[in-house]
Amino acid sequence: MHAACDVLGIRRGFDENDLYENLSWLCQHQEQIELRLFAARRGQRKPELFLYDVTSSYLEGEDNAFGAYGYNRDGKKGKKQIVIGLLCDEDGTPVSTEVFRAIPKTRRLLARRYARRASALAASG
């Protein structure tokens, strides 16, 4: 059994094939999973600060639910983009991640969203 099984209350082991088969469930429960993993790792120790960063990546092809035309710092004109956000604790350990559509105001929206996420994580510790 993996440590994740203990944290998530899963009674049997799993591998990457199980993860691929259950992406929808994982997506629906991502916030609860992140909160439980965060609380299990930190215990009652409250974080001193959170750090967040965003990056973007271009996509090949047209069939992607998150792909959108937006600012492209890779210089790939005419390619759809996705934006990936990462929230870390003060030690640089990732605590939350999310993929977003590449809309022009994504960065400002992410700052507000991750501020709320950091508050939820801090409250869970």
Foldseek 3Di string as FASTA:
>chain_A
DDVLCVLVVPPDDDDVVVCVVCVVVCVVCVLVSLLSVLCVVQPLDFFPDKDKDKDKDWDPDDDDPQWDDADDPVPDPPTTMKMKMFMATPVRHTRDIDIHRHDHCVVVVVVVVVVVSSVVSRVSD
